[in-house]
Structures are given as C-alpha cells and as structure tokens.
C-alpha cells in the first residue's frame, strides 16, 4: 500500500476498505517507510543480551504514544526475563524464553497500552528491506 496524507486518515481508509472487503474490522497500524526502517535499525538492548536470549526481540506497534502513566506502568513490568523499552509508538520487548513462556504475556501489554500488533524485529527488518531499501 502507498499513499499520501495524514497517517490517521490513511489508517481509517485502509481499515474501511478491509472491513468492506472482508466483512469484519481489521485494526491497522500505519508507519512510513522511513519509520519502519528506523524501527528495524533500533537496538534497544545490548547485542550480547539479545544474542544470549532464547526469545526473539519483539516490537509492539501502538496506535499512539502512550500517556505518561501508561508508559510508567508498562516499564514497571520489566524484569530480567522480560526486558522492555518504549520509544514513541513502539514497545520493544525481549522475552527471555519467548512470548509463550513469558510471565509478562500479551494480555499485560494489551491491558496497559491498548490496541497493538506485535512482530519480531526480524520480520520488521525483512519488510523494510523488501519495500523500503
């Protein structure tokens, strides 16, 4: 997809088209090519920590930047088993044993930060390389 205009307007247009085509609502998260490249390039944790983890570095794309209280609440959930960094509208999450084995879990992210979608950094890197290199 490509387009011009405000991200919020594009998001609504895409969601409307998907709802009409599929018959159900599909939440979307719009990022520009440069934003996606920056997300892929971001290294929120030391390389040795990421490499030694059994889990993969995850990125939760958020609809909007969280309020200060939500940001603080989310970061307060970080542990040695679940490393967390917030950067604008992205939450970087390194679960020590993978998302399924994480004591944090997706429900905590959803209830603290609201609607989001999570992808591995590897997936973000592949999308950025394929479409925005």
Protein backbone atom coordinates (compact mmCIF):
# COMPACT_ATOMS: atom_id res chain seq x y z
CA UNK A 1 0.00 0.00 0.00
CA UNK A 2 1.17 3.51 -0.66
CA UNK A 3 -0.48 6.83 -0.19
CA UNK A 4 -0.09 10.38 0.92
CA UNK A 5 -1.70 12.32 3.71
CA UNK A 6 -2.04 12.09 7.44
CA UNK A 7 -1.38 8.66 8.92
CA UNK A 8 -4.67 8.70 10.83
CA UNK A 9 -6.67 9.38 7.67
CA UNK A 10 -4.80 6.62 5.83
CA UNK A 11 -5.42 4.23 8.71
CA UNK A 12 -9.16 4.89 8.60
CA UNK A 13 -9.22 4.48 4.80
CA UNK A 14 -7.34 1.17 4.95
CA UNK A 15 -9.50 -0.14 7.79
CA UNK A 16 -12.66 0.82 5.93
CA UNK A 17 -11.51 -0.94 2.78
CA UNK A 18 -10.54 -4.08 4.66
CA UNK A 19 -13.85 -4.13 6.53
CA UNK A 20 -15.80 -3.84 3.27
CA UNK A 21 -13.69 -6.50 1.54
CA UNK A 22 -13.55 -8.98 4.41
CA UNK A 23 -16.80 -8.33 6.25
CA UNK A 24 -15.14 -7.68 9.61
CA UNK A 25 -13.00 -5.00 11.25
CA UNK A 26 -9.21 -5.26 10.93
CA UNK A 27 -7.19 -2.88 13.12
CA UNK A 28 -4.23 -1.42 11.24
CA UNK A 29 -1.07 0.36 12.28
CA UNK A 30 0.37 2.80 9.73
CA UNK A 31 4.09 3.56 9.55
CA UNK A 32 6.00 5.31 6.78
CA UNK A 33 8.91 3.59 5.07
CA UNK A 34 11.40 5.73 6.98
CA UNK A 35 9.66 4.99 10.28
CA UNK A 36 9.75 1.26 9.54
CA UNK A 37 13.45 1.45 8.64
CA UNK A 38 14.14 3.28 11.91
CA UNK A 39 12.21 0.63 13.88
CA UNK A 40 14.23 -2.11 12.16
CA UNK A 41 17.51 -0.34 12.90
CA UNK A 42 16.75 0.41 16.57
CA UNK A 43 18.80 -1.62 19.05
CA UNK A 44 17.13 -1.05 22.43
CA UNK A 45 19.15 -3.71 24.28
CA UNK A 46 22.83 -4.66 24.27
CA UNK A 47 23.71 -7.10 21.46
CA UNK A 48 25.06 -9.72 23.89
CA UNK A 49 21.78 -9.72 25.83
CA UNK A 50 19.74 -10.20 22.65
CA UNK A 51 22.07 -12.92 21.35
CA UNK A 52 22.02 -14.87 24.62
CA UNK A 53 18.22 -14.77 24.91
CA UNK A 54 16.18 -17.79 23.86
CA UNK A 55 13.40 -15.38 22.91
CA UNK A 56 13.27 -13.12 19.89
CA UNK A 57 13.20 -9.35 20.08
CA UNK A 58 9.60 -8.24 19.57
CA UNK A 59 8.15 -4.88 18.55
CA UNK A 60 4.61 -3.90 19.53
CA UNK A 61 3.32 -1.22 17.19
CA UNK A 62 0.93 1.06 19.08
CA UNK A 63 -1.81 3.33 17.75
CA UNK A 64 -0.42 6.33 19.58
CA UNK A 65 2.24 7.30 22.06
CA UNK A 66 1.15 6.11 25.50
CA UNK A 67 0.26 8.56 28.24
CA UNK A 68 2.95 9.03 30.89
CA UNK A 69 1.07 6.92 33.45
CA UNK A 70 0.66 4.05 30.96
CA UNK A 71 4.30 4.31 29.94
CA UNK A 72 5.40 4.12 33.58
CA UNK A 73 3.03 1.21 34.27
CA UNK A 74 4.36 -0.73 31.27
CA UNK A 75 8.02 -0.16 32.08
CA UNK A 76 7.35 -1.15 35.70
CA UNK A 77 6.51 -4.66 34.39
CA UNK A 78 10.06 -5.14 33.06
CA UNK A 79 12.14 -7.88 34.66
CA UNK A 80 15.31 -9.78 33.82
CA UNK A 81 13.05 -12.24 31.98
CA UNK A 82 11.09 -9.55 30.15
CA UNK A 83 13.13 -6.57 29.07
CA UNK A 84 11.09 -3.58 27.90
CA UNK A 85 11.83 -0.26 26.18
CA UNK A 86 9.30 2.24 24.89
CA UNK A 87 10.24 4.52 22.02
CA UNK A 88 7.39 6.73 20.87
CA UNK A 89 4.71 4.46 19.42
CA UNK A 90 6.77 1.26 19.68
CA UNK A 91 7.33 -1.09 22.59
CA UNK A 92 10.45 -3.23 22.29
CA UNK A 93 10.14 -6.45 24.25
CA UNK A 94 12.78 -9.13 24.75
CA UNK A 95 11.21 -12.14 26.47
CA UNK A 96 13.95 -14.42 27.83
CA UNK A 97 12.22 -17.65 26.81
CA UNK A 98 9.88 -16.50 24.06
CA UNK A 99 6.48 -14.85 24.18
CA UNK A 100 4.58 -18.04 25.04
CA UNK A 101 6.77 -18.71 28.08
CA UNK A 102 6.88 -15.11 29.25
CA UNK A 103 5.40 -14.29 32.66
CA UNK A 104 4.51 -10.88 31.17
CA UNK A 105 2.40 -12.07 28.25
CA UNK A 106 0.42 -10.26 25.61
CA UNK A 107 -2.56 -9.56 27.89
CA UNK A 108 -0.44 -7.33 30.12
CA UNK A 109 0.70 -5.34 27.09
CA UNK A 110 -2.85 -5.06 25.74
CA UNK A 111 -4.35 -4.00 29.07
CA UNK A 112 -1.60 -1.45 29.76
CA UNK A 113 -1.01 0.08 26.33
CA UNK A 114 -4.20 -0.70 24.43
CA UNK A 115 -4.60 -1.90 20.88
CA UNK A 116 -1.32 -3.06 19.31
CA UNK A 117 0.20 -5.56 16.94
CA UNK A 118 3.42 -7.44 17.66
CA UNK A 119 6.06 -8.58 15.18
CA UNK A 120 9.61 -9.83 15.59
CA UNK A 121 12.36 -7.39 14.70
CA UNK A 122 13.40 -9.91 12.04
CA UNK A 123 10.02 -9.55 10.35
CA UNK A 124 10.23 -5.74 10.53
CA UNK A 125 13.75 -5.90 9.03
CA UNK A 126 12.53 -8.08 6.16
CA UNK A 127 9.61 -5.76 5.36
CA UNK A 128 11.86 -2.69 5.49
CA UNK A 129 14.45 -4.33 3.24
CA UNK A 130 11.92 -5.61 0.72
CA UNK A 131 9.79 -2.50 0.36
CA UNK A 132 11.88 0.45 1.57
CA UNK A 133 15.52 -0.33 0.78
